[in-house]
Amino acid sequence: MKTTKVSFFVLSLVLLLVTGLSGWAGAADAESNTSKTYVIGTDITFAPFEFEDVNGDFVGIDMDLLDAIAKDQNFKYEIKALGFNAAVQALEANQVDGVIAGMSITDERKQKFDFSDSYFDSGVVMGVSANNDSVKSYEDLRGKKVAVKTGTEGYTFAESIASKYGFTIVPFDDSSQMYDDVKTGNSVACFEDYPVLAYGVKQNNGLKTVTEPEIGGSYGFAVSKGKNQELLQMFNDGLTNIKANGEYKRITETYVGDNTQTTMGRWELVQKSLPSLIKGLGKTLLYTIVSLFFAFILGLIFGFMKVGHNKFLRGVATVFVDVFRGIPLIVLAFFIYFGIPQALGFTMPLFLAAILTLSLNAGAYVTEIIRGGIQSIDRGQMEAARSLGLPYRKAMMKIVIPQAIRIMIPSFINQMVITLKDTSILSVIGLVELTQSGKIVIARTFASFDIWLTVAIMYLIVIIALTKIADYLEVRVRRG
């Protein structure tokens, strides 16, 4: 009877938690539906079309064009920085109203999206390391590896000639990673849209162009098929107007003209990048704390279910652990943020998707930590307590659990560190935490070594500090 009451209680907590989170998502969805502000997905690691400047503002050809068109047509918008692949998936899942991200207009994409008039005609060039004089044409690529960015004209062009010239394609999610692969010599060349590579060369990204631009595709603003047609029409009308009044020419020449930016010293670069990195670190800590709070609730619920006497509840807890411990975190993130909203037809806030992903993943591990801690206590102690007349629940709370907590503490500390580092994986769905903040800075500066070293040191400092605090608390608990 006692076990049944406990089981009913923990199941009620699960329902309460799920209902609360669903209500949170529903409220956010209702709020977004009553607003006239359009949510626009983009990739802010694609300079000079979209990137974040030193002040944290979204700039670039795409961003400035969108801003000029919005002012001309008098509509409001909100930028959601997701990365190119995530932005396209978000548009498919109706998580955003439109996408502007240097997106080429292709017949395949026209089956899923409606495109605006072309706002930029691109082309593909080949880039090699600045000190590489041996690769000058496609023939020199035979038997070698070539880096490309997924979803771009460069990727499509590389695929079309790979068999002819006998090279292997190595895909990356953003341009800076692709450039780094070429600079380190892992790949001998890369294919990139010519304005993007030309801009990077001017910013001393360590590469040079060795071919003339191939005929490429045209960039367009995209909305889901048959949806947000008023937004699409406003974009087209605004584009026509800013081309007529000269604003379009001024914007494009700002980024693809002969102007260059002054290269900063390494220390100056780190100093100017610290505010955005510290902001990203703050979000990392926030996501970690909130997700661990829910993870411990889930861990307590399913942990007690696993050590209870009810076979059905033990089975439910086992399924929970197997599912959320067995699915890779990145797959779980994609499923929760893109898959579920697309299937059920609602919009999920990014923050909620991140918390759900981290909480469910960590909750599965916390469940096993609690189960293992409780079952590690000699069963004779429970039997002795029951023989003295103590009820099961009181024996657990007074005798078993206090001893189990001392055993669980090191595992809890380890899970806290793991969850903090796992937040970096969620940058794939556009979560701007410390790792994503580093990517954004690198997209603007191409200083991979300096920024990643700074990010690594920040992670190290925080994790060591948290570990030391946890170790101190562990000692106090053991002595107590």
Protein backbone atom coordinates (compact mmCIF):
# COMPACT_ATOMS: atom_id res chain seq x y z
CA MET A 1 0.00 0.00 0.00
CA LYS A 2 2.81 2.39 0.89
CA THR A 3 4.53 1.73 -2.43
CA THR A 4 1.29 2.38 -4.33
CA LYS A 5 0.85 5.74 -2.61
CA VAL A 6 4.43 6.75 -3.36
CA SER A 7 4.02 5.60 -6.95
CA PHE A 8 0.83 7.64 -7.33
CA PHE A 9 2.61 10.65 -5.87
CA VAL A 10 5.61 10.48 -8.20
CA LEU A 11 3.38 9.93 -11.23
CA SER A 12 1.41 13.02 -10.25
CA LEU A 13 4.67 14.97 -10.12
CA VAL A 14 5.56 13.77 -13.62
CA LEU A 15 2.18 14.88 -14.95
CA LEU A 16 2.51 18.22 -13.17
CA LEU A 17 5.98 18.80 -14.65
CA VAL A 18 4.89 17.89 -18.20
CA THR A 19 1.72 19.99 -17.91
CA GLY A 20 3.71 22.97 -16.65
CA LEU A 21 6.22 22.76 -19.47
CA SER A 22 3.46 22.33 -22.05
CA GLY A 23 1.65 25.34 -20.64
CA TRP A 24 4.86 27.32 -20.82
CA ALA A 25 5.27 26.38 -24.49
CA GLY A 26 1.61 27.10 -25.21
CA ALA A 27 1.78 30.53 -23.57
CA ALA A 28 4.87 31.40 -25.53
CA ASP A 29 3.20 30.18 -28.72
CA ALA A 30 0.07 32.22 -28.05
CA GLU A 31 2.16 35.30 -27.39
CA SER A 32 4.02 34.86 -30.68
CA ASN A 33 0.75 34.39 -32.58
CA THR A 34 -0.67 37.68 -31.28
CA SER A 35 2.46 39.61 -32.25
CA LYS A 36 3.01 41.13 -35.67
CA THR A 37 6.76 40.66 -35.45
CA TYR A 38 8.10 38.14 -38.00
CA VAL A 39 10.73 35.67 -36.82
CA ILE A 40 13.53 35.37 -39.38
CA GLY A 41 16.06 32.54 -39.22
CA THR A 42 19.62 33.09 -40.36
CA ASP A 43 23.20 31.90 -40.13
CA ILE A 44 25.36 34.57 -38.50
CA THR A 45 28.62 32.78 -39.33
CA PHE A 46 28.52 33.62 -43.04
CA ALA A 47 30.35 36.92 -43.51
CA PRO A 48 29.87 39.19 -45.40
CA PHE A 49 26.19 38.21 -45.72
CA GLU A 50 25.39 37.70 -42.05
CA PHE A 51 27.62 37.95 -39.01
CA GLU A 52 27.79 39.63 -35.62
CA ASP A 53 29.99 42.70 -35.21
CA VAL A 54 32.12 43.57 -32.20
CA ASN A 55 29.15 45.35 -30.59
CA GLY A 56 26.94 42.28 -30.85
CA ASP A 57 24.80 43.68 -33.66
CA PHE A 58 23.74 41.54 -36.63
CA VAL A 59 25.33 43.00 -39.78
CA GLY A 60 26.19 41.97 -43.32
CA ILE A 61 24.57 42.18 -46.74
CA ASP A 62 21.57 40.04 -45.77
CA MET A 63 21.04 41.75 -42.42
CA ASP A 64 21.34 45.27 -43.84
CA LEU A 65 19.07 44.45 -46.78
CA LEU A 66 16.44 42.97 -44.47
CA ASP A 67 16.62 46.02 -42.22
CA ALA A 68 16.29 48.42 -45.16
CA ILE A 69 13.37 46.46 -46.64
CA ALA A 70 11.60 46.28 -43.25
CA LYS A 71 11.87 50.05 -42.88
CA ASP A 72 10.67 50.59 -46.44
CA GLN A 73 7.67 48.27 -45.97
CA ASN A 74 7.06 49.15 -42.31
CA PHE A 75 7.14 45.67 -40.76
CA LYS A 76 8.90 44.40 -37.67
CA TYR A 77 11.11 41.34 -37.43
CA GLU A 78 13.19 39.38 -34.96
CA ILE A 79 16.39 37.59 -35.95
CA LYS A 80 16.89 34.01 -34.75
CA ALA A 81 20.52 33.00 -35.27
CA LEU A 82 20.50 29.23 -35.86
CA GLY A 83 23.16 28.30 -38.38
CA PHE A 84 22.27 27.53 -42.00
CA ASN A 85 21.15 23.90 -41.68
CA ALA A 86 19.21 24.56 -38.47
CA ALA A 87 17.57 27.64 -40.00
CA VAL A 88 16.32 25.63 -42.98
CA GLN A 89 15.00 22.88 -40.69
CA ALA A 90 13.34 25.51 -38.49
CA LEU A 91 11.54 26.89 -41.56
CA GLU A 92 10.35 23.38 -42.49
CA ALA A 93 9.10 22.91 -38.91
CA ASN A 94 7.41 26.36 -38.94
CA GLN A 95 9.62 27.52 -36.08
CA VAL A 96 10.46 30.67 -38.06
CA ASP A 97 8.47 32.73 -40.58
CA GLY A 98 11.27 33.14 -43.09
CA VAL A 99 14.97 32.54 -43.73
CA ILE A 100 17.60 34.86 -45.17
CA ALA A 101 21.02 33.21 -45.07
CA GLY A 102 22.72 33.38 -48.44
CA MET A 103 20.25 30.68 -49.50
CA SER A 104 20.56 29.65 -53.14
CA ILE A 105 17.34 29.31 -55.11
CA THR A 106 17.22 25.75 -56.45
CA ASP A 107 14.49 23.58 -58.02
CA GLU A 108 14.73 21.13 -55.12
CA ARG A 109 14.22 23.86 -52.52
CA LYS A 110 11.34 25.35 -54.51
CA GLN A 111 9.37 22.18 -53.76
CA LYS A 112 9.37 23.06 -50.05
CA PHE A 113 9.79 26.83 -49.99
CA ASP A 114 8.57 29.94 -51.79
CA PHE A 115 11.39 32.30 -52.73
CA SER A 116 11.59 36.03 -53.23
CA ASP A 117 13.10 37.67 -56.27
CA SER A 118 16.86 37.17 -56.39
CA TYR A 119 18.70 39.72 -54.27
CA PHE A 120 22.27 38.58 -55.07
CA ASP A 121 23.88 36.57 -57.88
CA SER A 122 26.75 34.49 -56.59
CA GLY A 123 29.43 32.21 -57.99
CA VAL A 124 31.88 29.61 -56.69
CA VAL A 125 35.67 29.95 -56.42
CA MET A 126 38.37 27.61 -55.16
CA GLY A 127 40.53 28.67 -52.24
CA VAL A 128 43.81 27.22 -50.99
CA SER A 129 46.19 28.03 -48.16
CA ALA A 130 47.98 31.34 -48.68
CA ASN A 131 51.38 29.58 -48.76
CA ASN A 132 50.26 26.77 -51.11
CA ASP A 133 51.67 27.22 -54.61
CA SER A 134 51.15 23.66 -55.83
CA VAL A 135 47.35 23.71 -56.26
CA LYS A 136 46.29 26.08 -59.02
CA SER A 137 43.53 24.23 -60.88
CA TYR A 138 41.00 21.44 -60.46
CA GLU A 139 43.44 18.95 -61.97
CA ASP A 140 45.74 19.46 -58.98
CA LEU A 141 43.03 18.10 -56.66
CA ARG A 142 43.27 14.52 -57.87
CA GLY A 143 43.63 12.05 -54.99
CA LYS A 144 43.28 14.82 -52.38
CA LYS A 145 40.63 16.07 -49.96
CA VAL A 146 38.57 19.22 -50.50
CA ALA A 147 36.61 21.01 -47.77
CA VAL A 148 33.09 22.32 -48.40
CA LYS A 149 30.25 23.81 -46.36
CA THR A 150 27.04 21.80 -46.35
CA GLY A 151 24.01 23.28 -48.06
CA THR A 152 25.96 25.80 -50.17
CA GLU A 153 26.63 26.34 -53.86
CA GLY A 154 30.23 25.34 -53.13
CA TYR A 155 29.09 21.94 -51.90
CA THR A 156 26.87 21.41 -54.95
CA PHE A 157 29.64 22.43 -57.34
CA ALA A 158 32.21 20.22 -55.60
CA GLU A 159 29.86 17.23 -55.88
CA SER A 160 29.37 17.87 -59.58
CA ILE A 161 33.09 17.70 -60.41
CA ALA A 162 34.42 15.37 -57.67
CA SER A 163 34.35 12.20 -59.78
CA LYS A 164 35.79 13.96 -62.82
CA TYR A 165 38.83 15.29 -60.96
CA GLY A 166 39.11 12.46 -58.42
CA PHE A 167 39.01 14.27 -55.08
CA THR A 168 37.22 13.50 -51.82
CA ILE A 169 34.72 15.89 -50.26
CA VAL A 170 34.98 16.76 -46.54
CA PRO A 171 31.82 18.58 -45.32
CA PHE A 172 31.66 21.21 -42.55
CA ASP A 173 28.84 23.18 -40.96
CA ASP A 174 30.40 26.63 -41.16
CA SER A 175 32.98 28.48 -43.20
CA SER A 176 35.55 29.07 -40.44
CA GLN A 177 35.87 25.31 -39.81
CA MET A 178 36.29 24.73 -43.53
CA TYR A 179 39.03 27.38 -43.74
CA ASP A 180 40.83 25.94 -40.72
CA ASP A 181 40.82 22.49 -42.31
CA VAL A 182 42.56 23.95 -45.37
CA LYS A 183 45.04 25.99 -43.32
CA THR A 184 46.05 22.96 -41.26
CA GLY A 185 46.62 20.91 -44.42
CA ASN A 186 43.96 18.29 -43.79
CA SER A 187 42.29 19.46 -47.02
CA VAL A 188 44.21 21.08 -49.86
CA ALA A 189 41.40 23.38 -51.03
CA CYS A 190 37.85 24.52 -50.45
CA PHE A 191 34.96 25.70 -52.61
CA GLU A 192 33.14 28.78 -51.41
CA ASP A 193 30.84 31.51 -52.72
CA TYR A 194 33.18 34.15 -54.15
CA PRO A 195 32.01 37.14 -52.02
CA VAL A 196 32.37 35.08 -48.84
CA LEU A 197 35.87 33.86 -49.62
CA ALA A 198 36.94 37.27 -50.95
CA TYR A 199 35.78 38.89 -47.72
CA GLY A 200 37.63 36.32 -45.65
CA VAL A 201 40.85 36.82 -47.62
CA LYS A 202 40.63 40.56 -46.90
CA GLN A 203 40.26 39.76 -43.22
CA ASN A 204 43.45 37.64 -43.30
CA ASN A 205 41.75 34.26 -43.01
CA GLY A 206 44.94 32.57 -44.27
CA LEU A 207 43.60 31.60 -47.72
CA LYS A 208 43.82 32.84 -51.29
CA THR A 209 41.67 32.31 -54.38
CA VAL A 210 43.17 30.47 -57.35
CA THR A 211 40.28 30.22 -59.84
CA GLU A 212 37.82 32.55 -61.51
CA PRO A 213 34.23 32.41 -60.21
CA GLU A 214 32.09 29.68 -61.72
CA ILE A 215 28.55 30.58 -62.70
CA GLY A 216 26.58 30.13 -59.52
CA GLY A 217 23.06 30.43 -58.25
CA SER A 218 21.03 33.35 -57.00
CA TYR A 219 20.24 34.08 -53.36
CA GLY A 220 16.65 34.50 -52.24
CA PHE A 221 14.57 35.11 -49.14
CA ALA A 222 12.51 31.99 -48.33
CA VAL A 223 9.22 31.23 -46.61
CA SER A 224 7.40 27.92 -46.20
CA LYS A 225 5.39 26.77 -49.22
CA GLY A 226 2.11 28.66 -49.33
CA LYS A 227 2.69 30.50 -46.04
CA ASN A 228 3.58 34.10 -45.12
CA GLN A 229 2.89 35.31 -48.64
CA GLU A 230 2.34 38.85 -47.35
CA LEU A 231 5.88 38.81 -45.95
CA LEU A 232 7.25 37.53 -49.24
CA GLN A 233 5.43 40.26 -51.17
CA MET A 234 6.72 42.96 -48.81
CA PHE A 235 10.26 41.67 -49.28
CA ASN A 236 9.95 41.82 -53.07
CA ASP A 237 8.38 45.28 -53.02
CA GLY A 238 10.99 46.59 -50.61
CA LEU A 239 13.82 45.07 -52.65
CA THR A 240 12.55 46.84 -55.75
CA ASN A 241 12.37 50.15 -53.91
CA ILE A 242 15.85 50.05 -52.35
CA LYS A 243 17.36 49.08 -55.70
CA ALA A 244 15.67 52.12 -57.24
CA ASN A 245 16.80 54.58 -54.56
CA GLY A 246 20.41 53.40 -54.44
CA GLU A 247 20.31 51.85 -50.95
CA TYR A 248 20.92 48.36 -52.35
CA LYS A 249 24.11 49.45 -54.11
CA ARG A 250 25.38 51.23 -51.00
CA ILE A 251 24.84 48.12 -48.84
CA THR A 252 26.51 45.65 -51.20
CA GLU A 253 29.51 47.90 -51.85
CA THR A 254 30.03 48.26 -48.12
CA TYR A 255 30.83 44.55 -47.85
CA VAL A 256 32.12 43.45 -51.26
CA GLY A 257 33.84 46.64 -52.33
CA ASP A 258 37.51 47.48 -51.96
CA ASN A 259 37.27 48.52 -48.32
CA THR A 260 39.08 46.38 -45.77
CA GLN A 261 38.97 46.27 -42.00
CA THR A 262 41.91 46.91 -39.74
CA THR A 263 43.34 43.72 -38.31
CA MET A 264 43.48 43.77 -34.50
CA GLY A 265 46.31 42.42 -32.39
CA ARG A 266 45.75 39.12 -30.59
CA TRP A 267 45.30 40.60 -27.11
CA GLU A 268 43.07 43.39 -28.42
CA LEU A 269 40.97 40.80 -30.24
CA VAL A 270 40.51 38.74 -27.07
CA GLN A 271 39.63 41.84 -25.05
CA LYS A 272 36.98 42.98 -27.52
CA SER A 273 35.57 39.45 -27.73
CA LEU A 274 35.33 38.88 -23.97
CA PRO A 275 31.96 40.65 -23.40
CA SER A 276 30.12 38.37 -25.86
CA LEU A 277 31.98 35.29 -24.57
CA ILE A 278 31.15 36.15 -20.95
CA LYS A 279 27.52 36.63 -21.93
CA GLY A 280 27.60 33.21 -23.58
CA LEU A 281 29.14 31.72 -20.43
CA GLY A 282 26.32 33.20 -18.35
CA LYS A 283 23.76 31.49 -20.58
CA THR A 284 25.69 28.22 -20.33
CA LEU A 285 25.47 28.37 -16.53
CA LEU A 286 21.78 29.28 -16.68
CA TYR A 287 20.90 26.36 -18.95
CA THR A 288 22.98 24.02 -16.76
CA ILE A 289 21.36 25.08 -13.48
CA VAL A 290 17.78 25.02 -14.77
CA SER A 291 18.16 21.71 -16.61
CA LEU A 292 19.84 20.04 -13.62
CA PHE A 293 16.99 21.20 -11.37
CA PHE A 294 14.48 19.36 -13.57
CA ALA A 295 16.91 16.46 -14.08
CA PHE A 296 17.08 15.87 -10.32
CA ILE A 297 13.29 15.93 -10.07
CA LEU A 298 13.07 13.34 -12.85
CA GLY A 299 15.93 11.37 -11.31
CA LEU A 300 14.20 11.23 -7.93
CA ILE A 301 10.90 10.17 -9.48
CA PHE A 302 12.25 7.44 -11.72
CA GLY A 303 15.01 6.46 -9.30
CA PHE A 304 12.49 5.57 -6.61
CA MET A 305 10.33 3.86 -9.20
CA LYS A 306 13.28 1.63 -10.14
CA VAL A 307 13.90 0.51 -6.57
CA GLY A 308 10.21 0.17 -5.71
CA HIS A 309 8.19 -3.05 -5.50
CA ASN A 310 5.77 -2.25 -8.33
CA LYS A 311 6.88 -4.12 -11.46
CA PHE A 312 4.96 -1.83 -13.83
CA LEU A 313 6.58 1.32 -12.43
CA ARG A 314 10.00 -0.33 -12.51
CA GLY A 315 9.38 -1.11 -16.17
CA VAL A 316 8.35 2.50 -16.91
CA ALA A 317 11.50 3.80 -15.21
CA THR A 318 13.66 1.32 -17.11
CA VAL A 319 12.18 2.44 -20.43
CA PHE A 320 12.79 6.10 -19.49
CA VAL A 321 16.44 5.42 -18.72
CA ASP A 322 17.05 3.24 -21.78
CA VAL A 323 15.44 5.74 -24.18
CA PHE A 324 16.99 8.98 -22.99
CA ARG A 325 20.35 7.50 -22.13
CA GLY A 326 20.48 5.63 -25.44
CA ILE A 327 19.60 8.50 -27.81
CA PRO A 328 22.59 10.74 -28.64
CA LEU A 329 22.10 14.24 -27.26
CA ILE A 330 22.36 15.89 -30.68
CA VAL A 331 19.66 13.60 -32.12
CA LEU A 332 17.41 14.26 -29.12
CA ALA A 333 17.88 18.02 -29.59
CA PHE A 334 16.92 17.84 -33.27
CA PHE A 335 13.90 15.64 -32.50
CA ILE A 336 12.57 17.90 -29.73
CA TYR A 337 13.19 21.24 -31.47
CA PHE A 338 12.41 20.33 -35.09
CA GLY A 339 10.65 16.96 -35.15
CA ILE A 340 7.95 17.33 -32.50
CA PRO A 341 6.79 20.86 -33.50
CA GLN A 342 6.63 19.86 -37.16
CA ALA A 343 4.61 16.72 -36.36
CA LEU A 344 2.19 18.43 -33.95
CA GLY A 345 2.02 21.83 -35.65
CA PHE A 346 3.15 24.23 -32.92
CA THR A 347 6.11 26.49 -32.23
CA MET A 348 8.52 25.53 -29.46
CA PRO A 349 10.72 28.21 -27.84
CA LEU A 350 14.42 27.47 -28.20
CA PHE A 351 15.01 27.85 -24.46
CA LEU A 352 12.33 25.26 -23.68
CA ALA A 353 13.73 22.83 -26.27
CA ALA A 354 17.23 23.19 -24.77
CA ILE A 355 16.00 22.65 -21.20
CA LEU A 356 13.92 19.63 -22.19
CA THR A 357 16.82 18.07 -24.07
CA LEU A 358 19.33 18.54 -21.26
CA SER A 359 16.86 17.62 -18.50
CA LEU A 360 15.71 14.38 -20.10
CA ASN A 361 19.26 13.31 -20.92
CA ALA A 362 20.68 14.18 -17.50
CA GLY A 363 17.55 12.87 -15.76
CA ALA A 364 18.18 9.40 -17.17
CA TYR A 365 21.71 9.38 -15.75
CA VAL A 366 20.60 10.84 -12.40
CA THR A 367 18.00 8.07 -12.19
CA GLU A 368 20.75 5.46 -12.41
CA ILE A 369 22.90 7.36 -9.91
CA ILE A 370 20.06 7.33 -7.37
CA ARG A 371 19.20 3.69 -8.06
CA GLY A 372 22.81 2.63 -7.71
CA GLY A 373 23.28 4.66 -4.52
CA ILE A 374 20.22 3.19 -2.81
CA GLN A 375 20.94 -0.39 -3.89
CA SER A 376 24.56 -0.09 -2.70
CA ILE A 377 23.36 0.09 0.92
CA ASP A 378 23.34 -3.31 2.56
CA ARG A 379 19.81 -4.76 2.46
CA GLY A 380 20.28 -5.95 6.00
CA GLN A 381 19.91 -2.39 7.27
CA MET A 382 16.44 -2.09 5.75
CA GLU A 383 15.50 -5.50 7.12
CA ALA A 384 16.75 -4.52 10.58
CA ALA A 385 14.79 -1.27 10.48
CA ARG A 386 11.60 -3.06 9.42
CA SER A 387 12.07 -5.69 12.14
CA LEU A 388 12.18 -2.85 14.68
CA GLY A 389 8.78 -1.67 13.47
CA LEU A 390 9.83 1.21 11.19
CA PRO A 391 7.57 1.69 8.14
CA TYR A 392 9.22 1.25 4.73
CA ARG A 393 9.04 4.95 3.86
CA LYS A 394 10.49 6.07 7.20
CA ALA A 395 13.26 3.49 7.02
CA MET A 396 14.20 4.73 3.57
CA MET A 397 14.23 8.40 4.63
CA LYS A 398 16.00 7.95 7.96
CA ILE A 399 18.42 5.09 7.35
CA VAL A 400 19.00 4.20 3.68
CA ILE A 401 18.89 7.53 1.84
CA PRO A 402 21.28 9.49 4.15
CA GLN A 403 23.92 6.82 3.58
CA ALA A 404 23.15 6.62 -0.14
CA ILE A 405 23.56 10.39 -0.59
CA ARG A 406 27.14 10.21 0.63
CA ILE A 407 27.83 7.57 -2.02
CA MET A 408 26.00 9.50 -4.76
CA ILE A 409 27.74 12.87 -4.30
CA PRO A 410 30.81 12.17 -6.52
CA SER A 411 28.52 10.94 -9.31
CA PHE A 412 26.28 14.00 -8.94
CA ILE A 413 29.32 16.26 -9.26
CA ASN A 414 30.44 14.39 -12.36
CA GLN A 415 26.97 14.70 -13.91
CA MET A 416 26.94 18.43 -13.22
CA VAL A 417 30.21 18.86 -15.13
CA ILE A 418 28.97 16.66 -17.99
CA THR A 419 25.73 18.64 -18.34
CA LEU A 420 27.61 21.94 -18.36
CA LYS A 421 29.78 20.71 -21.22
CA ASP A 422 26.79 19.17 -23.01
CA THR A 423 25.28 22.64 -23.47
CA SER A 424 27.88 23.18 -26.21
CA ILE A 425 26.25 20.45 -28.32
CA LEU A 426 23.02 22.44 -28.44
CA SER A 427 24.70 25.11 -30.55
CA VAL A 428 23.57 22.90 -33.47
CA ILE A 429 19.97 24.08 -32.93
CA GLY A 430 21.03 27.71 -32.59
CA LEU A 431 21.39 27.94 -28.81
CA VAL A 432 23.75 30.86 -28.18
CA GLU A 433 25.86 29.72 -25.24
CA LEU A 434 29.64 29.86 -24.79
CA THR A 435 30.60 27.58 -27.68
CA GLN A 436 28.22 29.25 -30.13
CA SER A 437 29.45 32.65 -28.97
CA GLY A 438 32.97 31.53 -29.87
CA LYS A 439 31.82 30.41 -33.33
CA ILE A 440 30.18 33.78 -33.93
CA VAL A 441 33.35 35.67 -33.00
CA ILE A 442 35.49 33.41 -35.21
CA ALA A 443 33.13 33.94 -38.14
CA ARG A 444 33.94 37.64 -37.94
CA THR A 445 37.64 37.51 -37.06
CA PHE A 446 38.84 34.11 -38.41
CA ALA A 447 41.08 33.92 -35.30
CA SER A 448 40.32 30.29 -34.43
CA PHE A 449 43.33 29.62 -32.20
CA ASP A 450 42.94 32.71 -30.01
CA ILE A 451 39.18 32.43 -29.55
CA TRP A 452 39.01 28.67 -29.00
CA LEU A 453 41.87 28.94 -26.50
CA THR A 454 39.95 31.64 -24.64
CA VAL A 455 36.75 29.57 -24.69
CA ALA A 456 38.63 26.49 -23.43
CA ILE A 457 40.17 28.46 -20.56
CA MET A 458 36.76 29.85 -19.59
CA TYR A 459 35.26 26.35 -19.50
CA LEU A 460 38.25 25.11 -17.51
CA ILE A 461 38.02 27.89 -14.92
CA VAL A 462 34.30 27.40 -14.35
CA ILE A 463 34.47 23.60 -14.17
CA ILE A 464 37.44 23.64 -11.77
CA ALA A 465 35.69 26.22 -9.56
CA LEU A 466 32.44 24.22 -9.49
CA THR A 467 34.33 21.00 -8.80
CA LYS A 468 36.22 22.55 -5.89
CA ILE A 469 33.00 23.90 -4.39
CA ALA A 470 31.32 20.52 -4.79
CA ASP A 471 34.33 18.74 -3.24
CA TYR A 472 34.12 21.08 -0.25
CA LEU A 473 30.41 20.36 0.18
CA GLU A 474 31.08 16.63 -0.15
CA VAL A 475 33.56 16.76 2.71
CA ARG A 476 31.09 18.68 4.87
CA VAL A 477 28.34 16.16 4.16
CA ARG A 478 30.57 13.16 4.91
CA ARG A 479 31.71 14.71 8.20
CA GLY A 480 28.14 15.59 9.08
